[in-house]
Amino acid sequence: MRRPTLRQLASELDLSITTVSRALAGYSDVAHDTRQRIHQAAKKAGYVPNSAGKSLVTGQTGFIGLLLPLSDRPQIDPFFSEFLAGLGEGLQARARDCFLATVGPAQSELEVLQHVVESGRADGMVLTRIGESDERVDYLNERGFPFITHGRTLNDAPSRCWVDTDGETAFATAFEELYSAGHRRFGLISIEEPMSFRHFRETGLMQAIQQRNDATVSLAIGRTPRFDPAARARAASTMLTSHTRPTAILALTDEIGLSILEQAAALRIDVPSELSVIGFDNLPASEWVRPTLTTFDQRVRETALELGHRLVDLIDGTSGSGQRPAQHLLDATLIRRGSHGPAPGVRHEYTTGN
């Protein structure tokens, strides 16, 4: 069966081409009953919109851009895979598609971002891996181009759109969990890069320690390049072989937490009877290791889906009063598993996972 054109579909429904096109694109300025009638007729006729024609009518490409940095070292990023799946799902539900703009090792993300925006290839952008200050955010703000970020800079305007997870509260919660279990010698293995999520998680830990005002609490800090597994392993080994080895270590991410567990096993340090470890991200691998890794779930897929919806609202001009707020801070959920427990030598009734 030959599929109808947009003109033929509009003629059959006795509507203008513009009305039919905007209804199929999800615009709210077309009456609800009319949109339903158009969608039902399009589905019955097997109509597939022509992207070029749709762009001429709406002035939009139907694409949302996402930067994908490439690396000289092959790497698997389970966080990004989950994020991309959620974002794609959210955009698909709003009749948009996502395209990846690759950033080569010799390129800057700002350079690629400018090319995407200036060439008109996308209606909006989703930014991830937000820095404490971020030149990409500054550029898009100055350009007036629709965008949303997963995370926030340290000086964001109240009107700028972002979705983030409350890492500050999460790390304060992790400290209290471990402090209540008798731990006083703490470690933190973090990253070197000035990312905003690092700032908020570290701030939550530092403030929780200060609020306890306990002179017996100590904190050792190690830092490592974010995407360097060998450096992560060295940072974990250095902390675990210290003569003042912590009894509890907070890992900025699950990848760091998994490295700590691996190094502890190599050094025959029993987890959790001699060492407690808590991570952040709830990556699938955190359930596969033994002992399983206690961590925080930030619902990556759900968050990315929400980002997609909010960006389309912004593009379509429906993010004002009565709609979703511009900024949304999500709670992280502590997933208690088998990698944390009472401090060594402390009699404490404590329940962990397997």
C-alpha atoms as a PDB file:
ATOM      1  CA  MET A   1       0.000   0.000   0.000  1.00  0.00           C
ATOM      2  CA  ARG A   2       1.371   3.422  -0.955  1.00  0.00           C
ATOM      3  CA  ARG A   3       1.681   5.734   2.017  1.00  0.00           C
ATOM      4  CA  PRO A   4       0.056   9.192   1.760  1.00  0.00           C
ATOM      5  CA  THR A   5       1.977  12.472   1.678  1.00  0.00           C
ATOM      6  CA  LEU A   6       1.404  15.200   4.245  1.00  0.00           C
ATOM      7  CA  ARG A   7      -0.643  17.143   1.671  1.00  0.00           C
ATOM      8  CA  GLN A   8      -2.851  14.118   0.983  1.00  0.00           C
ATOM      9  CA  LEU A   9      -3.367  13.481   4.690  1.00  0.00           C
ATOM     10  CA  ALA A  10      -4.312  17.121   5.277  1.00  0.00           C
ATOM     11  CA  SER A  11      -6.712  17.071   2.324  1.00  0.00           C
ATOM     12  CA  GLU A  12      -8.409  13.913   3.588  1.00  0.00           C
ATOM     13  CA  LEU A  13      -8.937  15.528   7.004  1.00  0.00           C
ATOM     14  CA  ASP A  14      -9.960  18.894   5.475  1.00  0.00           C
ATOM     15  CA  LEU A  15      -7.247  20.666   7.478  1.00  0.00           C
ATOM     16  CA  SER A  16      -4.304  22.877   6.565  1.00  0.00           C
ATOM     17  CA  ILE A  17      -0.881  21.335   6.050  1.00  0.00           C
ATOM     18  CA  THR A  18       0.490  23.523   8.860  1.00  0.00           C
ATOM     19  CA  THR A  19      -2.134  22.292  11.338  1.00  0.00           C
ATOM     20  CA  VAL A  20      -1.481  18.644  10.511  1.00  0.00           C
ATOM     21  CA  SER A  21       2.303  19.073  10.636  1.00  0.00           C
ATOM     22  CA  ARG A  22       2.250  20.876  13.996  1.00  0.00           C
ATOM     23  CA  ALA A  23      -0.107  18.287  15.479  1.00  0.00           C
ATOM     24  CA  LEU A  24       2.161  15.435  14.395  1.00  0.00           C
ATOM     25  CA  ALA A  25       5.137  17.302  15.851  1.00  0.00           C
ATOM     26  CA  GLY A  26       3.408  17.443  19.245  1.00  0.00           C
ATOM     27  CA  TYR A  27       2.660  21.179  19.390  1.00  0.00           C
ATOM     28  CA  SER A  28       0.113  22.151  22.041  1.00  0.00           C
ATOM     29  CA  ASP A  29      -1.371  25.027  20.006  1.00  0.00           C
ATOM     30  CA  VAL A  30      -3.442  22.470  18.061  1.00  0.00           C
ATOM     31  CA  ALA A  31      -6.653  21.515  19.870  1.00  0.00           C
ATOM     32  CA  HIS A  32      -6.494  18.213  21.734  1.00  0.00           C
ATOM     33  CA  ASP A  33      -9.414  16.619  19.830  1.00  0.00           C
ATOM     34  CA  THR A  34      -7.928  17.718  16.501  1.00  0.00           C
ATOM     35  CA  ARG A  35      -4.520  16.286  17.425  1.00  0.00           C
ATOM     36  CA  GLN A  36      -6.104  12.969  18.328  1.00  0.00           C
ATOM     37  CA  ARG A  37      -8.041  12.851  15.049  1.00  0.00           C
ATOM     38  CA  ILE A  38      -4.877  13.623  13.051  1.00  0.00           C
ATOM     39  CA  HIS A  39      -2.782  11.015  14.885  1.00  0.00           C
ATOM     40  CA  GLN A  40      -5.443   8.344  14.440  1.00  0.00           C
ATOM     41  CA  ALA A  41      -5.763   9.088  10.714  1.00  0.00           C
ATOM     42  CA  ALA A  42      -1.973   9.102  10.266  1.00  0.00           C
ATOM     43  CA  LYS A  43      -1.602   5.786  12.069  1.00  0.00           C
ATOM     44  CA  LYS A  44      -4.406   4.180  10.055  1.00  0.00           C
ATOM     45  CA  ALA A  45      -2.929   5.407   6.756  1.00  0.00           C
ATOM     46  CA  GLY A  46       0.626   4.431   7.711  1.00  0.00           C
ATOM     47  CA  TYR A  47       1.813   8.003   7.268  1.00  0.00           C
ATOM     48  CA  VAL A  48       5.533   8.610   7.883  1.00  0.00           C
ATOM     49  CA  PRO A  49       6.518  12.314   8.158  1.00  0.00           C
ATOM     50  CA  ASN A  50       9.168  13.640   5.815  1.00  0.00           C
ATOM     51  CA  SER A  51      11.789  15.272   8.029  1.00  0.00           C
ATOM     52  CA  ALA A  52      12.794  17.864   5.425  1.00  0.00           C
ATOM     53  CA  GLY A  53       9.210  18.938   4.836  1.00  0.00           C
ATOM     54  CA  LYS A  54       8.480  19.024   8.529  1.00  0.00           C
ATOM     55  CA  SER A  55      11.506  21.266   9.069  1.00  0.00           C
ATOM     56  CA  LEU A  56      10.277  23.722   6.442  1.00  0.00           C
ATOM     57  CA  VAL A  57       6.890  23.995   8.140  1.00  0.00           C
ATOM     58  CA  THR A  58       7.993  24.136  11.780  1.00  0.00           C
ATOM     59  CA  GLY A  59      11.438  25.700  11.459  1.00  0.00           C
ATOM     60  CA  GLN A  60      12.833  22.844  13.549  1.00  0.00           C
ATOM     61  CA  THR A  61      15.052  19.891  12.717  1.00  0.00           C
ATOM     62  CA  GLY A  62      13.467  17.445  15.184  1.00  0.00           C
ATOM     63  CA  PHE A  63      16.941  16.599  16.529  1.00  0.00           C
ATOM     64  CA  ILE A  64      18.484  17.090  19.954  1.00  0.00           C
ATOM     65  CA  GLY A  65      22.270  17.080  20.179  1.00  0.00           C
ATOM     66  CA  LEU A  66      24.478  15.297  22.714  1.00  0.00           C
ATOM     67  CA  LEU A  67      28.271  15.560  22.758  1.00  0.00           C
ATOM     68  CA  LEU A  68      30.245  12.299  22.779  1.00  0.00           C
ATOM     69  CA  PRO A  69      33.953  12.733  23.593  1.00  0.00           C
ATOM     70  CA  LEU A  70      36.195  10.097  22.032  1.00  0.00           C
ATOM     71  CA  SER A  71      39.314   8.827  23.750  1.00  0.00           C
ATOM     72  CA  ASP A  72      42.662   7.461  22.634  1.00  0.00           C
ATOM     73  CA  ARG A  73      42.059   4.681  25.172  1.00  0.00           C
ATOM     74  CA  PRO A  74      39.109   2.368  24.531  1.00  0.00           C
ATOM     75  CA  GLN A  75      36.725   2.570  27.474  1.00  0.00           C
ATOM     76  CA  ILE A  76      33.330   1.289  28.492  1.00  0.00           C
ATOM     77  CA  ASP A  77      31.139   3.812  30.281  1.00  0.00           C
ATOM     78  CA  PRO A  78      28.071   2.033  31.724  1.00  0.00           C
ATOM     79  CA  PHE A  79      26.794   5.335  33.132  1.00  0.00           C
ATOM     80  CA  PHE A  80      26.680   6.925  29.665  1.00  0.00           C
ATOM     81  CA  SER A  81      24.976   3.872  28.142  1.00  0.00           C
ATOM     82  CA  GLU A  82      22.189   4.039  30.715  1.00  0.00           C
ATOM     83  CA  PHE A  83      21.912   7.810  30.287  1.00  0.00           C
ATOM     84  CA  LEU A  84      21.653   7.555  26.500  1.00  0.00           C
ATOM     85  CA  ALA A  85      18.919   4.915  26.732  1.00  0.00           C
ATOM     86  CA  GLY A  86      16.827   7.110  29.034  1.00  0.00           C
ATOM     87  CA  LEU A  87      17.351  10.247  26.958  1.00  0.00           C
ATOM     88  CA  GLY A  88      16.400   8.437  23.757  1.00  0.00           C
ATOM     89  CA  GLU A  89      13.236   7.130  25.374  1.00  0.00           C
ATOM     90  CA  GLY A  90      12.243  10.583  26.613  1.00  0.00           C
ATOM     91  CA  LEU A  91      12.850  12.247  23.256  1.00  0.00           C
ATOM     92  CA  GLN A  92      11.088   9.524  21.284  1.00  0.00           C
ATOM     93  CA  ALA A  93       7.969  10.056  23.384  1.00  0.00           C
ATOM     94  CA  ARG A  94       8.026  13.702  22.284  1.00  0.00           C
ATOM     95  CA  ALA A  95       8.629  12.960  18.576  1.00  0.00           C
ATOM     96  CA  ARG A  96      12.299  13.986  18.704  1.00  0.00           C
ATOM     97  CA  ASP A  97      15.477  12.144  17.850  1.00  0.00           C
ATOM     98  CA  CYS A  98      18.897  12.310  19.471  1.00  0.00           C
ATOM     99  CA  PHE A  99      22.115  12.595  17.508  1.00  0.00           C
ATOM    100  CA  LEU A 100      25.619  12.204  18.889  1.00  0.00           C
ATOM    101  CA  ALA A 101      28.165  14.855  17.961  1.00  0.00           C
ATOM    102  CA  THR A 102      31.539  13.173  18.391  1.00  0.00           C
ATOM    103  CA  VAL A 103      34.448  15.096  19.874  1.00  0.00           C
ATOM    104  CA  GLY A 104      37.817  13.823  18.678  1.00  0.00           C
ATOM    105  CA  PRO A 105      40.871  13.646  20.975  1.00  0.00           C
ATOM    106  CA  ALA A 106      42.338  16.725  19.261  1.00  0.00           C
ATOM    107  CA  GLN A 107      39.106  18.743  19.502  1.00  0.00           C
ATOM    108  CA  SER A 108      37.498  20.683  22.328  1.00  0.00           C
ATOM    109  CA  GLU A 109      33.865  20.127  23.267  1.00  0.00           C
ATOM    110  CA  LEU A 110      33.237  23.853  22.873  1.00  0.00           C
ATOM    111  CA  GLU A 111      34.531  23.760  19.300  1.00  0.00           C
ATOM    112  CA  VAL A 112      32.187  20.909  18.340  1.00  0.00           C
ATOM    113  CA  LEU A 113      29.278  22.475  20.225  1.00  0.00           C
ATOM    114  CA  GLN A 114      29.704  25.749  18.348  1.00  0.00           C
ATOM    115  CA  HIS A 115      29.676  23.894  15.037  1.00  0.00           C
ATOM    116  CA  VAL A 116      26.460  22.034  15.916  1.00  0.00           C
ATOM    117  CA  VAL A 117      24.692  25.212  16.986  1.00  0.00           C
ATOM    118  CA  GLU A 118      25.900  27.493  14.195  1.00  0.00           C
ATOM    119  CA  SER A 119      25.142  24.922  11.484  1.00  0.00           C
ATOM    120  CA  GLY A 120      21.543  24.582  12.675  1.00  0.00           C
ATOM    121  CA  ARG A 121      21.771  20.807  13.057  1.00  0.00           C
ATOM    122  CA  ALA A 122      19.842  20.670  16.327  1.00  0.00           C
ATOM    123  CA  ASP A 123      16.890  22.348  18.031  1.00  0.00           C
ATOM    124  CA  GLY A 124      18.509  22.018  21.462  1.00  0.00           C
ATOM    125  CA  MET A 125      21.410  20.468  23.323  1.00  0.00           C
ATOM    126  CA  VAL A 126      21.829  18.210  26.340  1.00  0.00           C
ATOM    127  CA  LEU A 127      25.086  18.747  28.215  1.00  0.00           C
ATOM    128  CA  THR A 128      26.612  16.241  30.627  1.00  0.00           C
ATOM    129  CA  ARG A 129      29.821  16.160  32.737  1.00  0.00           C
ATOM    130  CA  ILE A 130      29.269  19.707  34.002  1.00  0.00           C
ATOM    131  CA  GLY A 131      32.265  21.555  35.423  1.00  0.00           C
ATOM    132  CA  GLU A 132      32.276  23.855  38.441  1.00  0.00           C
ATOM    133  CA  SER A 133      32.473  26.575  35.799  1.00  0.00           C
ATOM    134  CA  ASP A 134      31.719  25.476  32.251  1.00  0.00           C
ATOM    135  CA  GLU A 135      32.532  27.291  29.012  1.00  0.00           C
ATOM    136  CA  ARG A 136      29.908  25.259  27.138  1.00  0.00           C
ATOM    137  CA  VAL A 137      27.179  26.543  29.455  1.00  0.00           C
ATOM    138  CA  ASP A 138      28.478  30.112  29.129  1.00  0.00           C
ATOM    139  CA  TYR A 139      28.446  29.872  25.323  1.00  0.00           C
ATOM    140  CA  LEU A 140      24.888  28.528  25.087  1.00  0.00           C
ATOM    141  CA  ASN A 141      23.643  31.109  27.593  1.00  0.00           C
ATOM    142  CA  GLU A 142      25.178  33.935  25.557  1.00  0.00           C
ATOM    143  CA  ARG A 143      23.883  32.446  22.309  1.00  0.00           C
ATOM    144  CA  GLY A 144      20.320  32.091  23.683  1.00  0.00           C
ATOM    145  CA  PHE A 145      20.190  28.525  22.400  1.00  0.00           C
ATOM    146  CA  PRO A 146      17.831  26.004  24.101  1.00  0.00           C
ATOM    147  CA  PHE A 147      19.723  23.547  26.308  1.00  0.00           C
ATOM    148  CA  ILE A 148      19.546  21.615  29.541  1.00  0.00           C
ATOM    149  CA  THR A 149      22.279  20.093  31.664  1.00  0.00           C
ATOM    150  CA  HIS A 150      22.656  16.975  33.747  1.00  0.00           C
ATOM    151  CA  GLY A 151      24.263  18.720  36.680  1.00  0.00           C
ATOM    152  CA  ARG A 152      24.826  22.373  37.540  1.00  0.00           C
ATOM    153  CA  THR A 153      27.669  24.835  37.702  1.00  0.00           C
ATOM    154  CA  LEU A 154      28.472  26.635  40.953  1.00  0.00           C
ATOM    155  CA  ASN A 155      27.017  29.941  39.718  1.00  0.00           C
ATOM    156  CA  ASP A 156      23.890  28.957  37.780  1.00  0.00           C
ATOM    157  CA  ALA A 157      21.136  31.525  37.311  1.00  0.00           C
ATOM    158  CA  PRO A 158      17.763  30.584  38.885  1.00  0.00           C
ATOM    159  CA  SER A 159      16.131  30.451  35.450  1.00  0.00           C
ATOM    160  CA  ARG A 160      18.594  28.053  33.810  1.00  0.00           C
ATOM    161  CA  CYS A 161      17.343  24.527  33.184  1.00  0.00           C
ATOM    162  CA  TRP A 162      19.050  21.557  34.816  1.00  0.00           C
ATOM    163  CA  VAL A 163      18.343  18.225  36.470  1.00  0.00           C
ATOM    164  CA  ASP A 164      20.799  16.965  39.076  1.00  0.00           C
ATOM    165  CA  THR A 165      21.116  14.437  41.891  1.00  0.00           C
ATOM    166  CA  ASP A 166      21.700  15.617  45.445  1.00  0.00           C
ATOM    167  CA  GLY A 167      25.195  14.242  45.997  1.00  0.00           C
ATOM    168  CA  GLU A 168      25.804  16.677  48.848  1.00  0.00           C
ATOM    169  CA  THR A 169      23.086  15.137  51.015  1.00  0.00           C
ATOM    170  CA  ALA A 170      24.075  11.632  49.884  1.00  0.00           C
ATOM    171  CA  PHE A 171      27.662  11.907  51.109  1.00  0.00           C
ATOM    172  CA  ALA A 172      26.544  13.440  54.385  1.00  0.00           C
ATOM    173  CA  THR A 173      24.204  10.457  54.772  1.00  0.00           C
ATOM    174  CA  ALA A 174      27.040   8.028  53.989  1.00  0.00           C
ATOM    175  CA  PHE A 175      29.244   9.611  56.657  1.00  0.00           C
ATOM    176  CA  GLU A 176      26.482   9.431  59.276  1.00  0.00           C
ATOM    177  CA  GLU A 177      25.791   5.801  58.370  1.00  0.00           C
ATOM    178  CA  LEU A 178      29.420   4.893  58.937  1.00  0.00           C
ATOM    179  CA  TYR A 179      29.971   7.151  61.950  1.00  0.00           C
ATOM    180  CA  SER A 180      26.960   5.562  63.673  1.00  0.00           C
ATOM    181  CA  ALA A 181      28.565   2.183  63.006  1.00  0.00           C
ATOM    182  CA  GLY A 182      31.638   3.210  65.014  1.00  0.00           C
ATOM    183  CA  HIS A 183      33.985   4.357  62.232  1.00  0.00           C
ATOM    184  CA  ARG A 184      36.340   7.242  62.999  1.00  0.00           C
ATOM    185  CA  ARG A 185      39.170   6.791  60.469  1.00  0.00           C
ATOM    186  CA  PHE A 186      37.717   7.775  57.094  1.00  0.00           C
ATOM    187  CA  GLY A 187      39.080   7.858  53.583  1.00  0.00           C
ATOM    188  CA  LEU A 188      37.814   9.560  50.432  1.00  0.00           C
ATOM    189  CA  ILE A 189      39.016   8.679  46.940  1.00  0.00           C
ATOM    190  CA  SER A 190      37.898  11.340  44.514  1.00  0.00           C
ATOM    191  CA  ILE A 191      38.802  12.616  41.042  1.00  0.00           C
ATOM    192  CA  GLU A 192      41.241  15.332  39.979  1.00  0.00           C
ATOM    193  CA  GLU A 193      38.962  17.081  37.484  1.00  0.00           C
ATOM    194  CA  PRO A 194      36.976  20.105  38.817  1.00  0.00           C
ATOM    195  CA  MET A 195      33.559  18.624  38.080  1.00  0.00           C
ATOM    196  CA  SER A 196      30.556  20.045  39.900  1.00  0.00           C
ATOM    197  CA  PHE A 197      29.398  16.643  41.137  1.00  0.00           C
ATOM    198  CA  ARG A 198      32.792  16.235  42.826  1.00  0.00           C
ATOM    199  CA  HIS A 199      32.352  19.587  44.556  1.00  0.00           C
ATOM    200  CA  PHE A 200      28.896  18.825  45.928  1.00  0.00           C
ATOM    201  CA  ARG A 201      29.698  15.293  47.115  1.00  0.00           C
ATOM    202  CA  GLU A 202      32.915  16.372  48.818  1.00  0.00           C
ATOM    203  CA  THR A 203      31.142  19.372  50.373  1.00  0.00           C
ATOM    204  CA  GLY A 204      28.480  17.102  51.840  1.00  0.00           C
ATOM    205  CA  LEU A 205      31.130  14.912  53.467  1.00  0.00           C
ATOM    206  CA  MET A 206      33.178  17.827  54.838  1.00  0.00           C
ATOM    207  CA  GLN A 207      30.141  19.554  56.307  1.00  0.00           C
ATOM    208  CA  ALA A 208      28.938  16.356  57.972  1.00  0.00           C
ATOM    209  CA  ILE A 209      32.367  15.879  59.587  1.00  0.00           C
ATOM    210  CA  GLN A 210      32.396  19.480  60.792  1.00  0.00           C
ATOM    211  CA  GLN A 211      28.921  19.175  62.274  1.00  0.00           C
ATOM    212  CA  ARG A 212      30.004  16.163  64.342  1.00  0.00           C
ATOM    213  CA  ASN A 213      32.904  18.197  65.757  1.00  0.00           C
ATOM    214  CA  ASP A 214      34.595  14.990  66.903  1.00  0.00           C
ATOM    215  CA  ALA A 215      38.377  15.278  67.326  1.00  0.00           C
ATOM    216  CA  THR A 216      38.765  11.504  66.919  1.00  0.00           C
ATOM    217  CA  VAL A 217      37.542  11.649  63.298  1.00  0.00           C
ATOM    218  CA  SER A 218      40.269  11.690  60.649  1.00  0.00           C
ATOM    219  CA  LEU A 219      39.976  11.911  56.867  1.00  0.00           C
ATOM    220  CA  ALA A 220      42.552  10.819  54.276  1.00  0.00           C
ATOM    221  CA  ILE A 221      41.952  12.012  50.705  1.00  0.00           C
ATOM    222  CA  GLY A 222      43.260  10.515  47.477  1.00  0.00           C
ATOM    223  CA  ARG A 223      42.614  11.830  43.959  1.00  0.00           C
ATOM    224  CA  THR A 224      42.843  10.143  40.588  1.00  0.00           C
ATOM    225  CA  PRO A 225      42.154  11.028  36.929  1.00  0.00           C
ATOM    226  CA  ARG A 226      38.521  10.162  36.274  1.00  0.00           C
ATOM    227  CA  PHE A 227      38.977   7.774  33.353  1.00  0.00           C
ATOM    228  CA  ASP A 228      42.267   6.099  34.304  1.00  0.00           C
ATOM    229  CA  PRO A 229      41.688   2.603  35.776  1.00  0.00           C
ATOM    230  CA  ALA A 230      45.387   2.076  36.564  1.00  0.00           C
ATOM    231  CA  ALA A 231      45.517   5.359  38.485  1.00  0.00           C
ATOM    232  CA  ARG A 232      42.363   4.401  40.398  1.00  0.00           C
ATOM    233  CA  ALA A 233      43.960   1.130  41.433  1.00  0.00           C
ATOM    234  CA  ARG A 234      47.147   2.907  42.564  1.00  0.00           C
ATOM    235  CA  ALA A 235      45.174   5.444  44.610  1.00  0.00           C
ATOM    236  CA  ALA A 236      43.226   2.653  46.314  1.00  0.00           C
ATOM    237  CA  SER A 237      46.373   0.618  46.994  1.00  0.00           C
ATOM    238  CA  THR A 238      48.200   3.633  48.457  1.00  0.00           C
ATOM    239  CA  MET A 239      45.372   4.353  50.883  1.00  0.00           C
ATOM    240  CA  LEU A 240      44.946   0.700  51.865  1.00  0.00           C
ATOM    241  CA  THR A 241      48.651   0.207  52.626  1.00  0.00           C
ATOM    242  CA  SER A 242      48.958   3.331  54.761  1.00  0.00           C
ATOM    243  CA  HIS A 243      49.967   2.723  58.398  1.00  0.00           C
ATOM    244  CA  THR A 244      46.860   4.757  59.352  1.00  0.00           C
ATOM    245  CA  ARG A 245      44.610   2.842  56.971  1.00  0.00           C
ATOM    246  CA  PRO A 246      40.990   4.061  57.123  1.00  0.00           C
ATOM    247  CA  THR A 247      38.357   1.666  58.383  1.00  0.00           C
ATOM    248  CA  ALA A 248      35.821   3.225  56.011  1.00  0.00           C
ATOM    249  CA  ILE A 249      36.353   4.688  52.534  1.00  0.00           C
ATOM    250  CA  LEU A 250      33.866   6.739  50.538  1.00  0.00           C
ATOM    251  CA  ALA A 251      34.333   6.440  46.778  1.00  0.00           C
ATOM    252  CA  LEU A 252      33.204   9.368  44.642  1.00  0.00           C
ATOM    253  CA  THR A 253      31.898   6.891  42.029  1.00  0.00           C
ATOM    254  CA  ASP A 254      31.153   3.195  41.812  1.00  0.00           C
ATOM    255  CA  GLU A 255      34.090   2.713  39.449  1.00  0.00           C
ATOM    256  CA  ILE A 256      36.392   3.938  42.211  1.00  0.00           C
ATOM    257  CA  GLY A 257      34.518   1.816  44.769  1.00  0.00           C
ATOM    258  CA  LEU A 258      34.978  -1.305  42.661  1.00  0.00           C
ATOM    259  CA  SER A 259      38.723  -0.586  42.398  1.00  0.00           C
ATOM    260  CA  ILE A 260      38.906  -0.302  46.187  1.00  0.00           C
ATOM    261  CA  LEU A 261      37.202  -3.681  46.608  1.00  0.00           C
ATOM    262  CA  GLU A 262      39.579  -5.242  44.085  1.00  0.00           C
ATOM    263  CA  GLN A 263      42.674  -3.865  45.803  1.00  0.00           C
ATOM    264  CA  ALA A 264      41.364  -4.866  49.233  1.00  0.00           C
ATOM    265  CA  ALA A 265      40.943  -8.436  48.012  1.00  0.00           C
ATOM    266  CA  ALA A 266      44.485  -8.435  46.593  1.00  0.00           C
ATOM    267  CA  LEU A 267      45.817  -7.235  49.960  1.00  0.00           C
ATOM    268  CA  ARG A 268      43.660  -9.760  51.843  1.00  0.00           C
ATOM    269  CA  ILE A 269      41.758  -7.044  53.675  1.00  0.00           C
ATOM    270  CA  ASP A 270      38.336  -8.421  54.512  1.00  0.00           C
ATOM    271  CA  VAL A 271      35.302  -6.354  53.545  1.00  0.00           C
ATOM    272  CA  PRO A 272      33.290  -5.452  55.577  1.00  0.00           C
ATOM    273  CA  SER A 273      34.836  -6.794  58.827  1.00  0.00           C
ATOM    274  CA  GLU A 274      38.113  -4.833  58.363  1.00  0.00           C
ATOM    275  CA  LEU A 275      37.060  -2.212  55.840  1.00  0.00           C
ATOM    276  CA  SER A 276      33.767  -0.576  54.790  1.00  0.00           C
ATOM    277  CA  VAL A 277      33.306   0.903  51.310  1.00  0.00           C
ATOM    278  CA  ILE A 278      30.447   3.027  49.933  1.00  0.00           C
ATOM    279  CA  GLY A 279      30.217   4.176  46.310  1.00  0.00           C
ATOM    280  CA  PHE A 280      27.851   6.267  44.213  1.00  0.00           C
ATOM    281  CA  ASP A 281      25.964   5.557  40.932  1.00  0.00           C
ATOM    282  CA  ASN A 282      24.541   2.041  41.456  1.00  0.00           C
ATOM    283  CA  LEU A 283      26.177   0.677  38.330  1.00  0.00           C
ATOM    284  CA  PRO A 284      25.140  -2.894  37.396  1.00  0.00           C
ATOM    285  CA  ALA A 285      28.604  -4.176  38.357  1.00  0.00           C
ATOM    286  CA  SER A 286      28.036  -3.064  41.953  1.00  0.00           C
ATOM    287  CA  GLU A 287      25.639  -6.002  42.334  1.00  0.00           C
ATOM    288  CA  TRP A 288      27.943  -8.535  40.683  1.00  0.00           C
ATOM    289  CA  VAL A 289      31.010  -8.185  42.892  1.00  0.00           C
ATOM    290  CA  ARG A 290      31.513 -10.023  46.177  1.00  0.00           C
ATOM    291  CA  PRO A 291      30.836  -8.503  48.542  1.00  0.00           C
ATOM    292  CA  THR A 292      28.217  -6.442  46.775  1.00  0.00           C
ATOM    293  CA  LEU A 293      28.927  -2.716  46.839  1.00  0.00           C
ATOM    294  CA  THR A 294      26.865  -0.417  49.032  1.00  0.00           C
ATOM    295  CA  THR A 295      26.105   2.621  46.913  1.00  0.00           C
ATOM    296  CA  PHE A 296      23.673   5.402  46.043  1.00  0.00           C
ATOM    297  CA  ASP A 297      21.199   5.035  43.200  1.00  0.00           C
ATOM    298  CA  GLN A 298      20.710   8.254  41.241  1.00  0.00           C
ATOM    299  CA  ARG A 299      18.255   6.663  38.775  1.00  0.00           C
ATOM    300  CA  VAL A 300      20.287   7.569  35.696  1.00  0.00           C
ATOM    301  CA  ARG A 301      17.776   6.360  33.110  1.00  0.00           C
ATOM    302  CA  GLU A 302      14.842   8.083  34.788  1.00  0.00           C
ATOM    303  CA  THR A 303      16.836  11.299  35.109  1.00  0.00           C
ATOM    304  CA  ALA A 304      17.836  11.298  31.434  1.00  0.00           C
ATOM    305  CA  LEU A 305      14.247  10.666  30.379  1.00  0.00           C
ATOM    306  CA  GLU A 306      13.171  13.659  32.476  1.00  0.00           C
ATOM    307  CA  LEU A 307      15.894  15.779  30.872  1.00  0.00           C
ATOM    308  CA  GLY A 308      14.514  14.977  27.429  1.00  0.00           C
ATOM    309  CA  HIS A 309      10.969  15.996  28.370  1.00  0.00           C
ATOM    310  CA  ARG A 310      12.095  19.239  30.007  1.00  0.00           C
ATOM    311  CA  LEU A 311      14.229  20.269  27.040  1.00  0.00           C
ATOM    312  CA  VAL A 312      11.360  19.719  24.600  1.00  0.00           C
ATOM    313  CA  ASP A 313       9.131  21.802  26.893  1.00  0.00           C
ATOM    314  CA  LEU A 314      11.734  24.564  26.736  1.00  0.00           C
ATOM    315  CA  ILE A 315      11.983  24.387  22.942  1.00  0.00           C
ATOM    316  CA  ASP A 316       8.208  24.403  22.529  1.00  0.00           C
ATOM    317  CA  GLY A 317       7.781  27.264  24.978  1.00  0.00           C
ATOM    318  CA  THR A 318       5.778  25.261  27.524  1.00  0.00           C
ATOM    319  CA  SER A 319       8.196  25.424  30.464  1.00  0.00           C
ATOM    320  CA  GLY A 320       6.676  28.492  32.090  1.00  0.00           C
ATOM    321  CA  SER A 321       4.224  28.920  34.950  1.00  0.00           C
ATOM    322  CA  GLY A 322       2.259  25.810  35.814  1.00  0.00           C
ATOM    323  CA  GLN A 323       4.730  23.533  34.050  1.00  0.00           C
ATOM    324  CA  ARG A 324       7.819  21.703  35.297  1.00  0.00           C
ATOM    325  CA  PRO A 325      10.208  23.951  37.272  1.00  0.00           C
ATOM    326  CA  ALA A 326      13.393  24.922  35.462  1.00  0.00           C
ATOM    327  CA  GLN A 327      15.621  23.214  38.028  1.00  0.00           C
ATOM    328  CA  HIS A 328      15.050  19.837  39.634  1.00  0.00           C
ATOM    329  CA  LEU A 329      17.217  18.275  42.358  1.00  0.00           C
ATOM    330  CA  LEU A 330      16.598  14.546  42.790  1.00  0.00           C
ATOM    331  CA  ASP A 331      17.240  12.545  45.941  1.00  0.00           C
ATOM    332  CA  ALA A 332      19.794   9.733  45.788  1.00  0.00           C
ATOM    333  CA  THR A 333      18.736   6.492  47.456  1.00  0.00           C
ATOM    334  CA  LEU A 334      21.184   4.591  49.666  1.00  0.00           C
ATOM    335  CA  ILE A 335      21.337   0.949  48.555  1.00  0.00           C
ATOM    336  CA  ARG A 336      22.636  -0.985  51.548  1.00  0.00           C
ATOM    337  CA  ARG A 337      24.597  -4.030  50.429  1.00  0.00           C
ATOM    338  CA  GLY A 338      27.474  -6.099  51.711  1.00  0.00           C
ATOM    339  CA  SER A 339      30.479  -3.760  51.589  1.00  0.00           C
ATOM    340  CA  HIS A 340      29.850  -1.795  54.781  1.00  0.00           C
ATOM    341  CA  GLY A 341      29.316  -2.623  58.419  1.00  0.00           C
ATOM    342  CA  PRO A 342      30.533  -1.863  61.944  1.00  0.00           C
ATOM    343  CA  ALA A 343      34.065  -0.588  62.513  1.00  0.00           C
ATOM    344  CA  PRO A 344      36.593  -3.304  63.421  1.00  0.00           C
ATOM    345  CA  GLY A 345      36.325  -4.238  67.095  1.00  0.00           C
ATOM    346  CA  VAL A 346      33.042  -2.393  67.576  1.00  0.00           C
ATOM    347  CA  ARG A 347      30.124  -4.399  68.907  1.00  0.00           C
ATOM    348  CA  HIS A 348      27.250  -3.034  66.913  1.00  0.00           C
ATOM    349  CA  GLU A 349      23.923  -4.402  65.744  1.00  0.00           C
ATOM    350  CA  TYR A 350      24.021  -3.710  62.066  1.00  0.00           C
ATOM    351  CA  THR A 351      22.237  -5.065  58.998  1.00  0.00           C
ATOM    352  CA  THR A 352      23.755  -5.042  55.530  1.00  0.00           C
ATOM    353  CA  GLY A 353      23.003  -6.753  52.257  1.00  0.00           C
ATOM    354  CA  ASN A 354      24.508 -10.023  51.109  1.00  0.00           C
END
